[in-house]
């Protein structure tokens, strides 16, 4: 067995956080950056996989952490933050201001996660609280002569934040779920849970394109050196999925998801690469794609019924 991390470039590592569930391989990840002046983890993942992350950090040689950066506080990205702080108590946690109270008192967030995710939430593990005094919010971080920019990118969550270090963009789930399938091709699927609003998300993607990053690191799963192309594809995909769901919104509920999926598998050039995924990964993606369609359906129905923001 190889090391529990992958070097993407000097000082930057991808840590797969695999779960013992069908299809949950190469899905959840953490990003680790470390040089003599600055060290941080982006999205440490759920409580269940923190031991994997700690093993990877040890293998990379991270003796101390300056920051734990959270793109958002969904269970699979942030649930183990408090546990990681037990190993690196010197680190400060960075997140959106709206996330602070949920991190320090995650009881409501945990119950909401259990309601939405059911047994998957239990597999991820319960949230570990973070002391409020360990949490930072803001637009920029200066450390060791390095500047880390925090960019509000609402869409996947209203409290979603992306981070820019030099020309490296940590985009969380802003561009959806990304998987390389070989021969320079990549599968892409929007992650649009309720409550979905199209316009703020499109604006977030435009904001990230304006950063002119050369490398984009996503939460699910991997990195691309075609950052602008990936962000443009994500914008086009959101528009396509919203238009497709709108086409079928008046059908019986049991037909909407299946008709939408069938159409997108034919018409979406990136989602159509679903056929190249492993069977268990297909099962996982079909489940989450159905959730994404439900999120978009709520949005298009609201827009159809009358004026609404976003």
Foldseek 3Di string as FASTA:
>chain_A
DDQQWADPDPQKIKGQQAFPDQQRGLFFIKIWGDDPWATEIEQCFFQLRNVSVVSNCVVVPPQEHAEYEYQDCQRGRNQNVQVVCVNHVNYAYEFFPVCLVCQQPVPVVLVVNCVVPPVVSVRRPGHDHDHSVRYDYDQWDAIRNWIKGWAQADFLHNGGIWIDTPQEIERECLLHAWDDLDPPAIAGAHQQAPQGDLPSSLVSLVVVLVSNHQKYAYRRHGIDRPSNVSSVLSNVVSVVLLVLLLVCLPPPPVVSLVSSLVVCLVVRPRNVCLVSDDPSSNVVVSVSNSSNSVNSSVVSVVVVVHDDDD
